[in-house]
Amino acid sequence: TASLPASQRNTDVADTATDEFRVNTTFPSSNETQLQVDVDPGDLPGDGTESDPYEISNVSELQAMEDDLGANYTLVSDIDASDTAQFNNGSGFDPVGGNFSESTPQAFSGSFDGNNHTVTGLTIDRPDEDNVGLFGVTGSGATVTDVTFADVTVTGVNQVGGVVGRNEGNITDSSASVSVTGDTQVGGLVGQNLGAVKNATASGDVTAAKAVGGLVGNNNGGPIR
């Protein structure tokens, strides 16, 4: 059997379980492969404060933001997120904040500074969920700034965006090239906007039944410029 690289092995299997270990190191079908590593935000460099934000250098660390929605984060390198197409049995990246199964979804309330880096190849395929994007919901105190997203593919139902599903915070100096699909309130950058979007652009394909836009699907009073 062929062996996966060390970063893709199942490290929970005991060394003595030789037969099971061999099974886990074969290449499974594409919809079974789990390439993400569970990362605790507390293990990242930094302490999550405004003065010393957590540092993100890979896609597993990007996913770790979902475990501390009030912290501050910064990218320290470009990120290849193409493996997210195989995350969660093909459902892709799990949106940060706005868990669709919660009656009152908890929003991301921290900060995300792209530090002029690019995230490439992010995939989210959740055709039965609302509040879908890299960030499902951003709260009134949240900020997303200085980041580029390239070749993003996002599918959801309502409040679907290439970067944020439902934005109540501030998005500045950001851009995205996307393919976004949903039903209502669907946009290239933001699905539903109640916050502020400044100096931001989006390009690509956006498909929805209603309340659809290239940059913002539905703007409920927030400034866009």
C-alpha atoms as a PDB file:
ATOM      1  CA  THR A   1       0.000   0.000   0.000  1.00  0.00           C
ATOM      2  CA  ALA A   2       1.147   3.551  -0.656  1.00  0.00           C
ATOM      3  CA  SER A   3       1.942   5.844   2.267  1.00  0.00           C
ATOM      4  CA  LEU A   4       0.588   9.357   2.697  1.00  0.00           C
ATOM      5  CA  PRO A   5       2.917  12.192   3.635  1.00  0.00           C
ATOM      6  CA  ALA A   6       3.335  12.559   7.382  1.00  0.00           C
ATOM      7  CA  SER A   7       1.056  15.608   7.480  1.00  0.00           C
ATOM      8  CA  GLN A   8      -1.832  13.505   6.125  1.00  0.00           C
ATOM      9  CA  ARG A   9      -1.512  10.409   8.306  1.00  0.00           C
ATOM     10  CA  ASN A  10      -3.923   9.388  11.005  1.00  0.00           C
ATOM     11  CA  THR A  11      -1.794  10.120  14.062  1.00  0.00           C
ATOM     12  CA  ASP A  12      -4.417   8.695  16.437  1.00  0.00           C
ATOM     13  CA  VAL A  13      -3.613   5.118  15.456  1.00  0.00           C
ATOM     14  CA  ALA A  14      -1.280   3.331  17.855  1.00  0.00           C
ATOM     15  CA  ASP A  15       2.045   2.195  16.472  1.00  0.00           C
ATOM     16  CA  THR A  16       1.291  -1.364  17.571  1.00  0.00           C
ATOM     17  CA  ALA A  17      -1.911  -1.561  15.481  1.00  0.00           C
ATOM     18  CA  THR A  18       0.031  -2.453  12.362  1.00  0.00           C
ATOM     19  CA  ASP A  19      -2.839  -3.742  10.217  1.00  0.00           C
ATOM     20  CA  GLU A  20      -5.084  -0.782  10.989  1.00  0.00           C
ATOM     21  CA  PHE A  21      -2.219   1.601  10.362  1.00  0.00           C
ATOM     22  CA  ARG A  22      -1.711   0.117   6.918  1.00  0.00           C
ATOM     23  CA  VAL A  23      -5.379   0.590   6.069  1.00  0.00           C
ATOM     24  CA  ASN A  24      -5.290   4.235   7.131  1.00  0.00           C
ATOM     25  CA  THR A  25      -2.246   5.002   5.012  1.00  0.00           C
ATOM     26  CA  THR A  26      -3.799   3.876   1.737  1.00  0.00           C
ATOM     27  CA  PHE A  27      -5.238   6.525  -0.529  1.00  0.00           C
ATOM     28  CA  PRO A  28      -9.019   6.626   0.009  1.00  0.00           C
ATOM     29  CA  SER A  29     -11.546   7.939  -2.490  1.00  0.00           C
ATOM     30  CA  SER A  30     -11.655  11.711  -2.866  1.00  0.00           C
ATOM     31  CA  ASN A  31     -14.833  12.142  -0.828  1.00  0.00           C
ATOM     32  CA  GLU A  32     -13.341  10.295   2.148  1.00  0.00           C
ATOM     33  CA  THR A  33      -9.939  11.947   2.333  1.00  0.00           C
ATOM     34  CA  GLN A  34      -9.482  14.132   5.401  1.00  0.00           C
ATOM     35  CA  LEU A  35      -6.590  16.496   4.830  1.00  0.00           C
ATOM     36  CA  GLN A  36      -7.248  19.040   7.554  1.00  0.00           C
ATOM     37  CA  VAL A  37      -5.512  18.911  10.900  1.00  0.00           C
ATOM     38  CA  ASP A  38      -7.418  19.926  14.022  1.00  0.00           C
ATOM     39  CA  VAL A  39      -5.582  22.964  15.388  1.00  0.00           C
ATOM     40  CA  ASP A  40      -6.312  24.717  18.684  1.00  0.00           C
ATOM     41  CA  PRO A  41      -6.037  28.512  18.310  1.00  0.00           C
ATOM     42  CA  GLY A  42      -4.138  28.577  21.597  1.00  0.00           C
ATOM     43  CA  ASP A  43      -1.325  26.635  19.918  1.00  0.00           C
ATOM     44  CA  LEU A  44      -0.798  29.325  17.284  1.00  0.00           C
ATOM     45  CA  PRO A  45       1.940  31.957  17.608  1.00  0.00           C
ATOM     46  CA  GLY A  46       0.571  35.056  19.335  1.00  0.00           C
ATOM     47  CA  ASP A  47      -2.052  35.347  22.036  1.00  0.00           C
ATOM     48  CA  GLY A  48      -5.079  36.493  20.059  1.00  0.00           C
ATOM     49  CA  THR A  49      -5.073  40.065  21.336  1.00  0.00           C
ATOM     50  CA  GLU A  50      -5.089  43.170  19.134  1.00  0.00           C
ATOM     51  CA  SER A  51      -1.431  43.807  19.944  1.00  0.00           C
ATOM     52  CA  ASP A  52      -0.353  40.181  19.415  1.00  0.00           C
ATOM     53  CA  PRO A  53      -2.854  38.438  17.110  1.00  0.00           C
ATOM     54  CA  TYR A  54      -2.782  34.728  16.401  1.00  0.00           C
ATOM     55  CA  GLU A  55      -0.640  34.039  13.315  1.00  0.00           C
ATOM     56  CA  ILE A  56      -2.093  31.906  10.519  1.00  0.00           C
ATOM     57  CA  SER A  57       0.190  30.248   7.964  1.00  0.00           C
ATOM     58  CA  ASN A  58      -1.878  27.342   6.545  1.00  0.00           C
ATOM     59  CA  VAL A  59      -5.460  26.290   5.881  1.00  0.00           C
ATOM     60  CA  SER A  60      -5.831  24.151   9.015  1.00  0.00           C
ATOM     61  CA  GLU A  61      -4.884  27.171  11.090  1.00  0.00           C
ATOM     62  CA  LEU A  62      -7.403  29.205   9.098  1.00  0.00           C
ATOM     63  CA  GLN A  63     -10.095  26.694  10.060  1.00  0.00           C
ATOM     64  CA  ALA A  64      -9.055  26.992  13.716  1.00  0.00           C
ATOM     65  CA  MET A  65     -10.626  30.456  13.870  1.00  0.00           C
ATOM     66  CA  GLU A  66     -14.001  28.758  14.397  1.00  0.00           C
ATOM     67  CA  ASP A  67     -12.869  27.733  17.882  1.00  0.00           C
ATOM     68  CA  ASP A  68     -12.245  31.281  19.143  1.00  0.00           C
ATOM     69  CA  LEU A  69     -14.647  33.694  17.498  1.00  0.00           C
ATOM     70  CA  GLY A  70     -13.611  36.712  19.541  1.00  0.00           C
ATOM     71  CA  ALA A  71      -9.870  36.578  18.892  1.00  0.00           C
ATOM     72  CA  ASN A  72      -7.683  38.592  16.531  1.00  0.00           C
ATOM     73  CA  TYR A  73      -5.906  36.883  13.637  1.00  0.00           C
ATOM     74  CA  THR A  74      -3.353  37.791  10.982  1.00  0.00           C
ATOM     75  CA  LEU A  75      -2.024  35.939   7.950  1.00  0.00           C
ATOM     76  CA  VAL A  76       1.744  35.565   7.819  1.00  0.00           C
ATOM     77  CA  SER A  77       1.873  33.903   4.392  1.00  0.00           C
ATOM     78  CA  ASP A  78      -0.210  33.171   1.320  1.00  0.00           C
ATOM     79  CA  ILE A  79      -2.454  30.145   1.856  1.00  0.00           C
ATOM     80  CA  ASP A  80      -3.210  27.322  -0.566  1.00  0.00           C
ATOM     81  CA  ALA A  81      -6.721  26.257   0.455  1.00  0.00           C
ATOM     82  CA  SER A  82      -7.315  23.835  -2.426  1.00  0.00           C
ATOM     83  CA  ASP A  83      -7.451  20.870  -0.024  1.00  0.00           C
ATOM     84  CA  THR A  84     -10.673  22.278   1.442  1.00  0.00           C
ATOM     85  CA  ALA A  85     -12.569  20.649  -1.432  1.00  0.00           C
ATOM     86  CA  GLN A  86     -12.031  17.391   0.460  1.00  0.00           C
ATOM     87  CA  PHE A  87     -12.683  18.668   3.983  1.00  0.00           C
ATOM     88  CA  ASN A  88     -15.641  17.296   5.947  1.00  0.00           C
ATOM     89  CA  ASN A  89     -16.469  14.506   3.498  1.00  0.00           C
ATOM     90  CA  GLY A  90     -16.710  16.928   0.597  1.00  0.00           C
ATOM     91  CA  SER A  91     -18.646  19.707   2.365  1.00  0.00           C
ATOM     92  CA  GLY A  92     -15.508  21.826   2.343  1.00  0.00           C
ATOM     93  CA  PHE A  93     -14.356  24.487   4.766  1.00  0.00           C
ATOM     94  CA  ASP A  94     -16.608  24.961   7.796  1.00  0.00           C
ATOM     95  CA  PRO A  95     -17.736  28.633   7.874  1.00  0.00           C
ATOM     96  CA  VAL A  96     -16.334  30.580  10.816  1.00  0.00           C
ATOM     97  CA  GLY A  97     -19.225  31.825  12.957  1.00  0.00           C
ATOM     98  CA  GLY A  98     -22.914  31.551  12.171  1.00  0.00           C
ATOM     99  CA  ASN A  99     -23.376  27.835  12.791  1.00  0.00           C
ATOM    100  CA  PHE A 100     -26.579  27.053  10.890  1.00  0.00           C
ATOM    101  CA  SER A 101     -27.680  24.475  13.480  1.00  0.00           C
ATOM    102  CA  GLU A 102     -27.883  27.076  16.264  1.00  0.00           C
ATOM    103  CA  SER A 103     -31.166  28.966  16.808  1.00  0.00           C
ATOM    104  CA  THR A 104     -29.120  32.147  17.405  1.00  0.00           C
ATOM    105  CA  PRO A 105     -25.878  31.668  15.462  1.00  0.00           C
ATOM    106  CA  GLN A 106     -22.815  33.073  17.205  1.00  0.00           C
ATOM    107  CA  ALA A 107     -21.002  35.584  15.021  1.00  0.00           C
ATOM    108  CA  PHE A 108     -17.299  36.090  14.508  1.00  0.00           C
ATOM    109  CA  SER A 109     -16.556  39.207  16.558  1.00  0.00           C
ATOM    110  CA  GLY A 110     -12.768  39.433  16.281  1.00  0.00           C
ATOM    111  CA  SER A 111     -10.453  40.752  13.592  1.00  0.00           C
ATOM    112  CA  PHE A 112      -8.916  39.131  10.529  1.00  0.00           C
ATOM    113  CA  ASP A 113      -5.990  40.958   8.916  1.00  0.00           C
ATOM    114  CA  GLY A 114      -4.862  39.427   5.640  1.00  0.00           C
ATOM    115  CA  ASN A 115      -1.635  41.428   5.834  1.00  0.00           C
ATOM    116  CA  ASN A 116      -1.707  41.736   2.021  1.00  0.00           C
ATOM    117  CA  HIS A 117      -1.690  37.955   1.524  1.00  0.00           C
ATOM    118  CA  THR A 118      -3.828  35.733  -0.725  1.00  0.00           C
ATOM    119  CA  VAL A 119      -5.996  32.728   0.096  1.00  0.00           C
ATOM    120  CA  THR A 120      -6.373  30.530  -2.999  1.00  0.00           C
ATOM    121  CA  GLY A 121      -8.761  27.694  -3.802  1.00  0.00           C
ATOM    122  CA  LEU A 122     -11.173  27.877  -0.863  1.00  0.00           C
ATOM    123  CA  THR A 123     -14.164  25.542  -1.345  1.00  0.00           C
ATOM    124  CA  ILE A 124     -17.398  25.471   0.675  1.00  0.00           C
ATOM    125  CA  ASP A 125     -20.161  23.142  -0.527  1.00  0.00           C
ATOM    126  CA  ARG A 126     -23.145  23.368   1.840  1.00  0.00           C
ATOM    127  CA  PRO A 127     -26.265  23.467  -0.347  1.00  0.00           C
ATOM    128  CA  ASP A 128     -28.605  22.959   2.629  1.00  0.00           C
ATOM    129  CA  GLU A 129     -27.186  25.674   4.884  1.00  0.00           C
ATOM    130  CA  ASP A 130     -27.619  29.423   5.429  1.00  0.00           C
ATOM    131  CA  ASN A 131     -24.900  31.897   6.460  1.00  0.00           C
ATOM    132  CA  VAL A 132     -22.215  30.464   4.219  1.00  0.00           C
ATOM    133  CA  GLY A 133     -18.804  31.967   3.413  1.00  0.00           C
ATOM    134  CA  LEU A 134     -15.331  31.901   4.899  1.00  0.00           C
ATOM    135  CA  PHE A 135     -17.131  33.725   7.695  1.00  0.00           C
ATOM    136  CA  GLY A 136     -20.725  32.620   8.138  1.00  0.00           C
ATOM    137  CA  VAL A 137     -21.687  35.666  10.195  1.00  0.00           C
ATOM    138  CA  THR A 138     -19.514  38.619  11.246  1.00  0.00           C
ATOM    139  CA  GLY A 139     -20.772  40.680  14.191  1.00  0.00           C
ATOM    140  CA  SER A 140     -20.860  44.454  14.594  1.00  0.00           C
ATOM    141  CA  GLY A 141     -17.380  44.571  16.093  1.00  0.00           C
ATOM    142  CA  ALA A 142     -15.704  42.322  13.539  1.00  0.00           C
ATOM    143  CA  THR A 143     -13.189  43.481  10.942  1.00  0.00           C
ATOM    144  CA  VAL A 144     -11.871  41.801   7.803  1.00  0.00           C
ATOM    145  CA  THR A 145      -9.140  43.721   6.048  1.00  0.00           C
ATOM    146  CA  ASP A 146      -6.280  43.695   3.554  1.00  0.00           C
ATOM    147  CA  VAL A 147      -6.829  40.245   2.035  1.00  0.00           C
ATOM    148  CA  THR A 148      -7.286  38.714  -1.415  1.00  0.00           C
ATOM    149  CA  PHE A 149      -9.276  35.558  -2.128  1.00  0.00           C
ATOM    150  CA  ALA A 150      -8.658  33.778  -5.440  1.00  0.00           C
ATOM    151  CA  ASP A 151     -10.575  30.918  -7.071  1.00  0.00           C
ATOM    152  CA  VAL A 152     -13.170  30.665  -4.311  1.00  0.00           C
ATOM    153  CA  THR A 153     -16.131  28.307  -4.776  1.00  0.00           C
ATOM    154  CA  VAL A 154     -19.059  28.636  -2.362  1.00  0.00           C
ATOM    155  CA  THR A 155     -22.492  26.995  -2.363  1.00  0.00           C
ATOM    156  CA  GLY A 156     -25.242  27.583   0.188  1.00  0.00           C
ATOM    157  CA  VAL A 157     -28.910  28.586   0.443  1.00  0.00           C
ATOM    158  CA  ASN A 158     -29.493  32.049   1.959  1.00  0.00           C
ATOM    159  CA  GLN A 159     -26.968  34.690   3.026  1.00  0.00           C
ATOM    160  CA  VAL A 160     -24.157  33.270   0.919  1.00  0.00           C
ATOM    161  CA  GLY A 161     -20.984  35.169   0.033  1.00  0.00           C
ATOM    162  CA  GLY A 162     -17.501  34.475  -1.235  1.00  0.00           C
ATOM    163  CA  VAL A 163     -16.062  35.895   1.986  1.00  0.00           C
ATOM    164  CA  VAL A 164     -18.960  36.579   4.396  1.00  0.00           C
ATOM    165  CA  GLY A 165     -22.487  35.175   4.401  1.00  0.00           C
ATOM    166  CA  ARG A 166     -24.029  37.840   6.664  1.00  0.00           C
ATOM    167  CA  ASN A 167     -21.912  40.870   7.498  1.00  0.00           C
ATOM    168  CA  GLU A 168     -22.604  43.220  10.387  1.00  0.00           C
ATOM    169  CA  GLY A 169     -18.968  44.279  10.743  1.00  0.00           C
ATOM    170  CA  ASN A 170     -16.439  46.113   8.575  1.00  0.00           C
ATOM    171  CA  ILE A 171     -14.786  44.748   5.453  1.00  0.00           C
ATOM    172  CA  THR A 172     -12.050  46.904   3.939  1.00  0.00           C
ATOM    173  CA  ASP A 173      -9.294  46.665   1.312  1.00  0.00           C
ATOM    174  CA  SER A 174     -10.340  43.173   0.248  1.00  0.00           C
ATOM    175  CA  SER A 175     -11.027  41.415  -3.043  1.00  0.00           C
ATOM    176  CA  ALA A 176     -12.276  38.050  -4.245  1.00  0.00           C
ATOM    177  CA  SER A 177     -12.530  36.076  -7.491  1.00  0.00           C
ATOM    178  CA  VAL A 178     -15.383  33.661  -6.974  1.00  0.00           C
ATOM    179  CA  SER A 179     -18.022  31.228  -8.093  1.00  0.00           C
ATOM    180  CA  VAL A 180     -20.917  31.593  -5.637  1.00  0.00           C
ATOM    181  CA  THR A 181     -24.262  29.800  -5.792  1.00  0.00           C
ATOM    182  CA  GLY A 182     -27.304  30.093  -3.554  1.00  0.00           C
ATOM    183  CA  ASP A 183     -30.975  31.007  -3.461  1.00  0.00           C
ATOM    184  CA  THR A 184     -31.487  34.385  -1.753  1.00  0.00           C
ATOM    185  CA  GLN A 185     -29.124  37.153  -0.599  1.00  0.00           C
ATOM    186  CA  VAL A 186     -26.105  35.900  -2.501  1.00  0.00           C
ATOM    187  CA  GLY A 187     -23.076  38.016  -3.410  1.00  0.00           C
ATOM    188  CA  GLY A 188     -19.532  37.703  -4.679  1.00  0.00           C
ATOM    189  CA  LEU A 189     -18.080  39.147  -1.485  1.00  0.00           C
ATOM    190  CA  VAL A 190     -21.017  39.354   0.953  1.00  0.00           C
ATOM    191  CA  GLY A 191     -24.456  37.748   0.853  1.00  0.00           C
ATOM    192  CA  GLN A 192     -26.321  40.085   3.215  1.00  0.00           C
ATOM    193  CA  ASN A 193     -24.715  43.311   4.384  1.00  0.00           C
ATOM    194  CA  LEU A 194     -25.745  45.223   7.482  1.00  0.00           C
ATOM    195  CA  GLY A 195     -22.262  46.562   8.160  1.00  0.00           C
ATOM    196  CA  ALA A 196     -19.745  48.439   6.023  1.00  0.00           C
ATOM    197  CA  VAL A 197     -17.887  47.388   2.880  1.00  0.00           C
ATOM    198  CA  LYS A 198     -15.148  49.777   1.789  1.00  0.00           C
ATOM    199  CA  ASN A 199     -12.554  49.638  -0.985  1.00  0.00           C
ATOM    200  CA  ALA A 200     -13.560  46.077  -1.866  1.00  0.00           C
ATOM    201  CA  THR A 201     -14.060  44.279  -5.178  1.00  0.00           C
ATOM    202  CA  ALA A 202     -15.335  40.941  -6.447  1.00  0.00           C
ATOM    203  CA  SER A 203     -15.263  39.218  -9.813  1.00  0.00           C
ATOM    204  CA  GLY A 204     -16.532  35.936 -11.192  1.00  0.00           C
ATOM    205  CA  ASP A 205     -19.907  34.176 -11.300  1.00  0.00           C
ATOM    206  CA  VAL A 206     -22.757  34.647  -8.811  1.00  0.00           C
ATOM    207  CA  THR A 207     -25.939  32.611  -9.257  1.00  0.00           C
ATOM    208  CA  ALA A 208     -29.145  32.971  -7.226  1.00  0.00           C
ATOM    209  CA  ALA A 209     -32.928  33.250  -7.556  1.00  0.00           C
ATOM    210  CA  LYS A 210     -33.249  36.699  -5.971  1.00  0.00           C
ATOM    211  CA  ALA A 211     -31.374  39.364  -3.992  1.00  0.00           C
ATOM    212  CA  VAL A 212     -28.185  38.687  -5.925  1.00  0.00           C
ATOM    213  CA  GLY A 213     -25.241  40.963  -6.626  1.00  0.00           C
ATOM    214  CA  GLY A 214     -21.681  40.853  -7.874  1.00  0.00           C
ATOM    215  CA  LEU A 215     -20.288  42.430  -4.707  1.00  0.00           C
ATOM    216  CA  VAL A 216     -23.187  42.284  -2.211  1.00  0.00           C
ATOM    217  CA  GLY A 217     -26.373  40.292  -2.647  1.00  0.00           C
ATOM    218  CA  ASN A 218     -28.608  42.399  -0.396  1.00  0.00           C
ATOM    219  CA  ASN A 219     -27.590  45.616   1.318  1.00  0.00           C
ATOM    220  CA  ASN A 220     -29.707  46.487   4.355  1.00  0.00           C
ATOM    221  CA  GLY A 221     -28.440  49.996   4.972  1.00  0.00           C
ATOM    222  CA  GLY A 222     -24.719  49.481   5.427  1.00  0.00           C
ATOM    223  CA  PRO A 223     -22.379  51.789   3.474  1.00  0.00           C
ATOM    224  CA  ILE A 224     -20.667  50.358   0.416  1.00  0.00           C
ATOM    225  CA  ARG A 225     -17.935  52.308  -1.294  1.00  0.00           C
END
